Amino acid sequence: MATVNASGLATAQGEGSTNIRATWDITYINFSPGGCNFDPDNCTGGHCYHRYDTFIAEASCLVLVPHHLKVVSDDYSYTCGTTLKRAITFQIVSRTNVPIGKSIPMQELLNTGPNTCGNGQPVPSSCSSTYTDATGTFTDRISINCNSVGGSCGYSIIKTYQWCQSGRSPVTLATYSGFTHNDAISVAGYVFPPDKIPQGTFIYP
């Protein structure tokens, strides 16, 4: 789970938990007033004395690796009059469903069909350190936006959320297929209206 170097620096290596224990010895030399000229190498007699202590420090080390997403909430509103907007909040969790609890750099990959609303294709989000908040939570706001067609125009979509690791290839945390239309939005098989994604649902790679 973690390694410790000679300087005592602990470095996480993989997901899991472990305990780290450090011990070290300290020697105290106390001088009596005027004794030994404060020279520990020539400290004899009753002018000074040594004291030896051993110190112990222990800490638990928990390493969590982003693995998939958990749905926190699924809300909706309307924009441009009757155009549906869906706002789904996700929490990044570990393989064992424990919230990561910190900001994670993320990006989106999009594979979309033609937009029959005629107002352009959606633009994916590139790697950003501000994609999530400090708890590893983010909200994806999904909508066809303002258009002059209305009705059931829109596009099909396959969306992928990826964790952008520093110096490594991005890691996919979740993928879903669906569609984004003016009057309905499908995410991972849940089409609103009327169906929202139940709180606590997991979305996997």
C-alpha atoms as a PDB file:
ATOM      1  CA  MET A   1       0.000   0.000   0.000  1.00  0.00           C
ATOM      2  CA  ALA A   2       2.856   2.381   0.781  1.00  0.00           C
ATOM      3  CA  THR A   3       6.640   2.552   0.987  1.00  0.00           C
ATOM      4  CA  VAL A   4       8.781   4.484   3.455  1.00  0.00           C
ATOM      5  CA  ASN A   5      12.258   5.719   2.544  1.00  0.00           C
ATOM      6  CA  ALA A   6      15.262   6.280   4.816  1.00  0.00           C
ATOM      7  CA  SER A   7      14.132   9.836   5.515  1.00  0.00           C
ATOM      8  CA  GLY A   8      10.753   8.649   6.744  1.00  0.00           C
ATOM      9  CA  LEU A   9       8.756   9.820   3.720  1.00  0.00           C
ATOM     10  CA  ALA A  10       5.745   7.563   3.093  1.00  0.00           C
ATOM     11  CA  THR A  11       4.617   7.216  -0.527  1.00  0.00           C
ATOM     12  CA  ALA A  12       1.322   5.596  -1.522  1.00  0.00           C
ATOM     13  CA  GLN A  13       1.723   2.722  -3.985  1.00  0.00           C
ATOM     14  CA  GLY A  14      -1.722   1.150  -4.354  1.00  0.00           C
ATOM     15  CA  GLU A  15      -5.274   1.083  -3.075  1.00  0.00           C
ATOM     16  CA  GLY A  16      -5.865  -0.186   0.457  1.00  0.00           C
ATOM     17  CA  SER A  17      -4.979   0.633   4.056  1.00  0.00           C
ATOM     18  CA  THR A  18      -1.948   0.026   6.239  1.00  0.00           C
ATOM     19  CA  ASN A  19      -0.336   1.255   9.439  1.00  0.00           C
ATOM     20  CA  ILE A  20       3.004   3.068   9.484  1.00  0.00           C
ATOM     21  CA  ARG A  21       5.106   2.966  12.665  1.00  0.00           C
ATOM     22  CA  ALA A  22       8.282   4.956  13.247  1.00  0.00           C
ATOM     23  CA  THR A  23      10.682   4.718  16.220  1.00  0.00           C
ATOM     24  CA  TRP A  24      13.778   6.752  16.988  1.00  0.00           C
ATOM     25  CA  ASP A  25      16.181   7.189  19.882  1.00  0.00           C
ATOM     26  CA  ILE A  26      17.216  10.511  21.358  1.00  0.00           C
ATOM     27  CA  THR A  27      20.058  11.165  23.814  1.00  0.00           C
ATOM     28  CA  TYR A  28      19.775  14.175  26.150  1.00  0.00           C
ATOM     29  CA  ILE A  29      22.852  15.655  27.870  1.00  0.00           C
ATOM     30  CA  ASN A  30      21.993  17.946  30.758  1.00  0.00           C
ATOM     31  CA  PHE A  31      24.726  20.189  32.206  1.00  0.00           C
ATOM     32  CA  SER A  32      24.877  21.485  35.753  1.00  0.00           C
ATOM     33  CA  PRO A  33      25.785  25.177  36.047  1.00  0.00           C
ATOM     34  CA  GLY A  34      29.488  25.709  35.366  1.00  0.00           C
ATOM     35  CA  GLY A  35      30.193  22.051  34.669  1.00  0.00           C
ATOM     36  CA  CYS A  36      32.258  20.694  31.746  1.00  0.00           C
ATOM     37  CA  ASN A  37      32.203  24.015  29.891  1.00  0.00           C
ATOM     38  CA  PHE A  38      29.198  22.616  28.030  1.00  0.00           C
ATOM     39  CA  ASP A  39      31.429  20.089  26.249  1.00  0.00           C
ATOM     40  CA  PRO A  40      29.613  16.741  25.970  1.00  0.00           C
ATOM     41  CA  ASP A  41      32.806  14.918  24.962  1.00  0.00           C
ATOM     42  CA  ASN A  42      34.473  15.798  28.295  1.00  0.00           C
ATOM     43  CA  CYS A  43      31.512  15.568  30.536  1.00  0.00           C
ATOM     44  CA  THR A  44      32.431  13.558  33.636  1.00  0.00           C
ATOM     45  CA  GLY A  45      31.729  13.509  37.295  1.00  0.00           C
ATOM     46  CA  GLY A  46      28.608  15.050  38.741  1.00  0.00           C
ATOM     47  CA  HIS A  47      28.505  18.023  36.413  1.00  0.00           C
ATOM     48  CA  CYS A  48      26.264  16.472  33.791  1.00  0.00           C
ATOM     49  CA  TYR A  49      24.235  13.388  33.047  1.00  0.00           C
ATOM     50  CA  HIS A  50      22.804  11.565  30.032  1.00  0.00           C
ATOM     51  CA  ARG A  51      19.232  10.566  29.454  1.00  0.00           C
ATOM     52  CA  TYR A  52      18.014   8.211  26.735  1.00  0.00           C
ATOM     53  CA  ASP A  53      14.497   8.145  25.347  1.00  0.00           C
ATOM     54  CA  THR A  54      12.769   6.216  22.570  1.00  0.00           C
ATOM     55  CA  PHE A  55       9.959   7.901  20.687  1.00  0.00           C
ATOM     56  CA  ILE A  56       7.226   6.113  18.734  1.00  0.00           C
ATOM     57  CA  ALA A  57       4.857   7.584  16.135  1.00  0.00           C
ATOM     58  CA  GLU A  58       2.086   5.651  14.405  1.00  0.00           C
ATOM     59  CA  ALA A  59      -0.347   6.585  11.660  1.00  0.00           C
ATOM     60  CA  SER A  60      -2.925   4.867   9.505  1.00  0.00           C
ATOM     61  CA  CYS A  61      -2.487   5.209   5.751  1.00  0.00           C
ATOM     62  CA  LEU A  62      -5.584   4.920   3.544  1.00  0.00           C
ATOM     63  CA  VAL A  63      -5.037   4.958  -0.223  1.00  0.00           C
ATOM     64  CA  LEU A  64      -8.114   5.442  -2.429  1.00  0.00           C
ATOM     65  CA  VAL A  65      -7.901   5.235  -6.220  1.00  0.00           C
ATOM     66  CA  PRO A  66     -10.694   6.711  -8.387  1.00  0.00           C
ATOM     67  CA  HIS A  67     -12.583   3.845 -10.034  1.00  0.00           C
ATOM     68  CA  HIS A  68     -16.198   4.723 -10.957  1.00  0.00           C
ATOM     69  CA  LEU A  69     -19.037   7.191 -10.256  1.00  0.00           C
ATOM     70  CA  LYS A  70     -21.980   7.258  -7.886  1.00  0.00           C
ATOM     71  CA  VAL A  71     -25.098   9.308  -8.604  1.00  0.00           C
ATOM     72  CA  VAL A  72     -25.776  11.851  -5.859  1.00  0.00           C
ATOM     73  CA  SER A  73     -28.795  13.551  -7.429  1.00  0.00           C
ATOM     74  CA  ASP A  74     -30.680  13.925 -10.705  1.00  0.00           C
ATOM     75  CA  ASP A  75     -32.518  17.223 -11.157  1.00  0.00           C
ATOM     76  CA  TYR A  76     -34.070  19.077 -14.062  1.00  0.00           C
ATOM     77  CA  SER A  77     -35.170  22.510 -15.223  1.00  0.00           C
ATOM     78  CA  TYR A  78     -36.135  24.235 -18.480  1.00  0.00           C
ATOM     79  CA  THR A  79     -34.264  26.772 -20.561  1.00  0.00           C
ATOM     80  CA  CYS A  80     -35.302  28.835 -23.576  1.00  0.00           C
ATOM     81  CA  GLY A  81     -38.926  28.154 -22.710  1.00  0.00           C
ATOM     82  CA  THR A  82     -39.508  24.429 -23.229  1.00  0.00           C
ATOM     83  CA  THR A  83     -35.996  23.037 -23.730  1.00  0.00           C
ATOM     84  CA  LEU A  84     -35.240  20.431 -21.061  1.00  0.00           C
ATOM     85  CA  LYS A  85     -32.058  20.687 -18.987  1.00  0.00           C
ATOM     86  CA  ARG A  86     -30.904  17.806 -16.799  1.00  0.00           C
ATOM     87  CA  ALA A  87     -28.369  18.288 -13.986  1.00  0.00           C
ATOM     88  CA  ILE A  88     -26.828  15.058 -12.666  1.00  0.00           C
ATOM     89  CA  THR A  89     -24.410  15.228  -9.745  1.00  0.00           C
ATOM     90  CA  PHE A  90     -21.796  12.476  -9.470  1.00  0.00           C
ATOM     91  CA  GLN A  91     -19.412  11.471  -6.686  1.00  0.00           C
ATOM     92  CA  ILE A  92     -16.093   9.831  -7.640  1.00  0.00           C
ATOM     93  CA  VAL A  93     -15.618   6.656  -5.606  1.00  0.00           C
ATOM     94  CA  SER A  94     -13.021   3.912  -5.191  1.00  0.00           C
ATOM     95  CA  ARG A  95     -13.298   0.267  -6.268  1.00  0.00           C
ATOM     96  CA  THR A  96     -14.992  -0.443  -2.904  1.00  0.00           C
ATOM     97  CA  ASN A  97     -17.431   2.500  -3.286  1.00  0.00           C
ATOM     98  CA  VAL A  98     -15.636   4.785  -0.804  1.00  0.00           C
ATOM     99  CA  PRO A  99     -15.830   8.488  -1.786  1.00  0.00           C
ATOM    100  CA  ILE A 100     -12.446   9.811  -2.910  1.00  0.00           C
ATOM    101  CA  GLY A 101     -13.020  13.036  -0.996  1.00  0.00           C
ATOM    102  CA  LYS A 102     -10.666  15.327  -2.910  1.00  0.00           C
ATOM    103  CA  SER A 103     -10.502  17.296  -6.145  1.00  0.00           C
ATOM    104  CA  ILE A 104      -9.687  15.098  -9.150  1.00  0.00           C
ATOM    105  CA  PRO A 105      -8.665  16.421 -12.606  1.00  0.00           C
ATOM    106  CA  MET A 106     -11.181  15.150 -15.168  1.00  0.00           C
ATOM    107  CA  GLN A 107     -12.169  15.315 -18.820  1.00  0.00           C
ATOM    108  CA  GLU A 108     -15.064  14.191 -21.063  1.00  0.00           C
ATOM    109  CA  LEU A 109     -15.011  12.253 -24.321  1.00  0.00           C
ATOM    110  CA  LEU A 110     -18.083  12.509 -26.593  1.00  0.00           C
ATOM    111  CA  ASN A 111     -19.254  10.357 -29.472  1.00  0.00           C
ATOM    112  CA  THR A 112     -22.411  11.947 -30.884  1.00  0.00           C
ATOM    113  CA  GLY A 113     -24.753  11.523 -33.805  1.00  0.00           C
ATOM    114  CA  PRO A 114     -25.934  14.449 -35.989  1.00  0.00           C
ATOM    115  CA  ASN A 115     -27.746  17.204 -34.113  1.00  0.00           C
ATOM    116  CA  THR A 116     -31.169  17.506 -35.740  1.00  0.00           C
ATOM    117  CA  CYS A 117     -31.820  20.694 -33.760  1.00  0.00           C
ATOM    118  CA  GLY A 118     -29.314  22.410 -36.053  1.00  0.00           C
ATOM    119  CA  ASN A 119     -27.484  24.379 -33.363  1.00  0.00           C
ATOM    120  CA  GLY A 120     -24.124  22.597 -33.402  1.00  0.00           C
ATOM    121  CA  GLN A 121     -22.535  19.608 -31.736  1.00  0.00           C
ATOM    122  CA  PRO A 122     -21.717  19.530 -27.995  1.00  0.00           C
ATOM    123  CA  VAL A 123     -18.134  20.381 -27.046  1.00  0.00           C
ATOM    124  CA  PRO A 124     -16.290  17.956 -24.722  1.00  0.00           C
ATOM    125  CA  SER A 125     -14.429  19.195 -21.638  1.00  0.00           C
ATOM    126  CA  SER A 126     -10.646  18.830 -21.744  1.00  0.00           C
ATOM    127  CA  CYS A 127      -8.551  17.871 -18.702  1.00  0.00           C
ATOM    128  CA  SER A 128      -9.166  20.350 -15.905  1.00  0.00           C
ATOM    129  CA  SER A 129      -8.117  20.444 -12.262  1.00  0.00           C
ATOM    130  CA  THR A 130     -11.326  22.374 -11.444  1.00  0.00           C
ATOM    131  CA  TYR A 131     -13.732  19.840 -13.007  1.00  0.00           C
ATOM    132  CA  THR A 132     -14.665  18.528  -9.548  1.00  0.00           C
ATOM    133  CA  ASP A 133     -15.017  20.286  -6.216  1.00  0.00           C
ATOM    134  CA  ALA A 134     -12.858  19.591  -3.163  1.00  0.00           C
ATOM    135  CA  THR A 135     -14.911  16.482  -2.318  1.00  0.00           C
ATOM    136  CA  GLY A 136     -14.528  14.799  -5.720  1.00  0.00           C
ATOM    137  CA  THR A 137     -18.095  15.709  -6.730  1.00  0.00           C
ATOM    138  CA  PHE A 138     -19.210  17.315 -10.000  1.00  0.00           C
ATOM    139  CA  THR A 139     -22.470  18.179 -11.778  1.00  0.00           C
ATOM    140  CA  ASP A 140     -23.009  17.441 -15.463  1.00  0.00           C
ATOM    141  CA  ARG A 141     -25.602  19.806 -16.976  1.00  0.00           C
ATOM    142  CA  ILE A 142     -27.100  18.220 -20.080  1.00  0.00           C
ATOM    143  CA  SER A 143     -29.240  20.092 -22.613  1.00  0.00           C
ATOM    144  CA  ILE A 144     -29.671  20.712 -26.340  1.00  0.00           C
ATOM    145  CA  ASN A 145     -29.776  24.418 -25.430  1.00  0.00           C
ATOM    146  CA  CYS A 146     -31.705  27.085 -27.329  1.00  0.00           C
ATOM    147  CA  ASN A 147     -32.813  26.088 -30.817  1.00  0.00           C
ATOM    148  CA  SER A 148     -35.502  26.957 -33.357  1.00  0.00           C
ATOM    149  CA  VAL A 149     -36.645  23.392 -34.061  1.00  0.00           C
ATOM    150  CA  GLY A 150     -38.031  22.186 -30.714  1.00  0.00           C
ATOM    151  CA  GLY A 151     -40.034  18.981 -30.432  1.00  0.00           C
ATOM    152  CA  SER A 152     -37.906  15.838 -30.240  1.00  0.00           C
ATOM    153  CA  CYS A 153     -34.861  17.122 -32.131  1.00  0.00           C
ATOM    154  CA  GLY A 154     -31.414  16.364 -30.759  1.00  0.00           C
ATOM    155  CA  TYR A 155     -28.603  13.809 -30.974  1.00  0.00           C
ATOM    156  CA  SER A 156     -27.529  10.403 -29.714  1.00  0.00           C
ATOM    157  CA  ILE A 157     -24.487  10.306 -27.460  1.00  0.00           C
ATOM    158  CA  ILE A 158     -21.927   8.063 -25.823  1.00  0.00           C
ATOM    159  CA  LYS A 159     -20.192   9.963 -23.038  1.00  0.00           C
ATOM    160  CA  THR A 160     -17.030   8.915 -21.206  1.00  0.00           C
ATOM    161  CA  TYR A 161     -15.696  10.501 -18.017  1.00  0.00           C
ATOM    162  CA  GLN A 162     -11.943  10.160 -17.494  1.00  0.00           C
ATOM    163  CA  TRP A 163      -9.539  10.822 -14.632  1.00  0.00           C
ATOM    164  CA  CYS A 164      -6.501  12.737 -15.907  1.00  0.00           C
ATOM    165  CA  GLN A 165      -3.489  11.307 -14.089  1.00  0.00           C
ATOM    166  CA  SER A 166      -0.346  13.431 -14.001  1.00  0.00           C
ATOM    167  CA  GLY A 167       2.239  12.002 -16.382  1.00  0.00           C
ATOM    168  CA  ARG A 168       0.057   8.978 -17.239  1.00  0.00           C
ATOM    169  CA  SER A 169      -2.700   8.081 -19.676  1.00  0.00           C
ATOM    170  CA  PRO A 170      -6.249   9.102 -18.642  1.00  0.00           C
ATOM    171  CA  VAL A 171      -8.272   6.433 -16.829  1.00  0.00           C
ATOM    172  CA  THR A 172     -11.938   5.877 -17.708  1.00  0.00           C
ATOM    173  CA  LEU A 173     -14.222   6.089 -14.667  1.00  0.00           C
ATOM    174  CA  ALA A 174     -17.636   5.822 -16.331  1.00  0.00           C
ATOM    175  CA  THR A 175     -19.286   5.524 -19.743  1.00  0.00           C
ATOM    176  CA  TYR A 176     -22.944   5.754 -20.694  1.00  0.00           C
ATOM    177  CA  SER A 177     -25.013   5.858 -23.871  1.00  0.00           C
ATOM    178  CA  GLY A 178     -28.214   7.801 -24.382  1.00  0.00           C
ATOM    179  CA  PHE A 179     -29.622  10.807 -26.198  1.00  0.00           C
ATOM    180  CA  THR A 180     -30.089  14.520 -25.624  1.00  0.00           C
ATOM    181  CA  HIS A 181     -33.303  15.879 -27.137  1.00  0.00           C
ATOM    182  CA  ASN A 182     -35.203  19.116 -26.780  1.00  0.00           C
ATOM    183  CA  ASP A 183     -37.998  17.429 -24.813  1.00  0.00           C
ATOM    184  CA  ALA A 184     -36.323  14.322 -23.297  1.00  0.00           C
ATOM    185  CA  ILE A 185     -32.869  13.250 -22.125  1.00  0.00           C
ATOM    186  CA  SER A 186     -31.660   9.660 -21.749  1.00  0.00           C
ATOM    187  CA  VAL A 187     -28.701   8.858 -19.470  1.00  0.00           C
ATOM    188  CA  ALA A 188     -27.584   5.264 -18.830  1.00  0.00           C
ATOM    189  CA  GLY A 189     -31.033   3.899 -19.668  1.00  0.00           C
ATOM    190  CA  TYR A 190     -33.001   6.423 -17.586  1.00  0.00           C
ATOM    191  CA  VAL A 191     -35.153   8.640 -19.822  1.00  0.00           C
ATOM    192  CA  PHE A 192     -36.517  11.823 -18.280  1.00  0.00           C
ATOM    193  CA  PRO A 193     -39.341  12.492 -18.284  1.00  0.00           C
ATOM    194  CA  PRO A 194     -40.384  10.529 -16.315  1.00  0.00           C
ATOM    195  CA  ASP A 195     -37.459   8.500 -14.963  1.00  0.00           C
ATOM    196  CA  LYS A 196     -34.612   9.933 -12.900  1.00  0.00           C
ATOM    197  CA  ILE A 197     -31.505   7.965 -11.950  1.00  0.00           C
ATOM    198  CA  PRO A 198     -32.005   6.703  -8.373  1.00  0.00           C
ATOM    199  CA  GLN A 199     -29.681   8.219  -5.788  1.00  0.00           C
ATOM    200  CA  GLY A 200     -26.789   5.853  -5.079  1.00  0.00           C
ATOM    201  CA  THR A 201     -26.730   4.256  -8.548  1.00  0.00           C
ATOM    202  CA  PHE A 202     -23.220   3.410  -9.732  1.00  0.00           C
ATOM    203  CA  ILE A 203     -22.010   4.176 -13.263  1.00  0.00           C
ATOM    204  CA  TYR A 204     -19.032   2.092 -14.324  1.00  0.00           C
ATOM    205  CA  PRO A 205     -16.372   2.281 -17.060  1.00  0.00           C
END
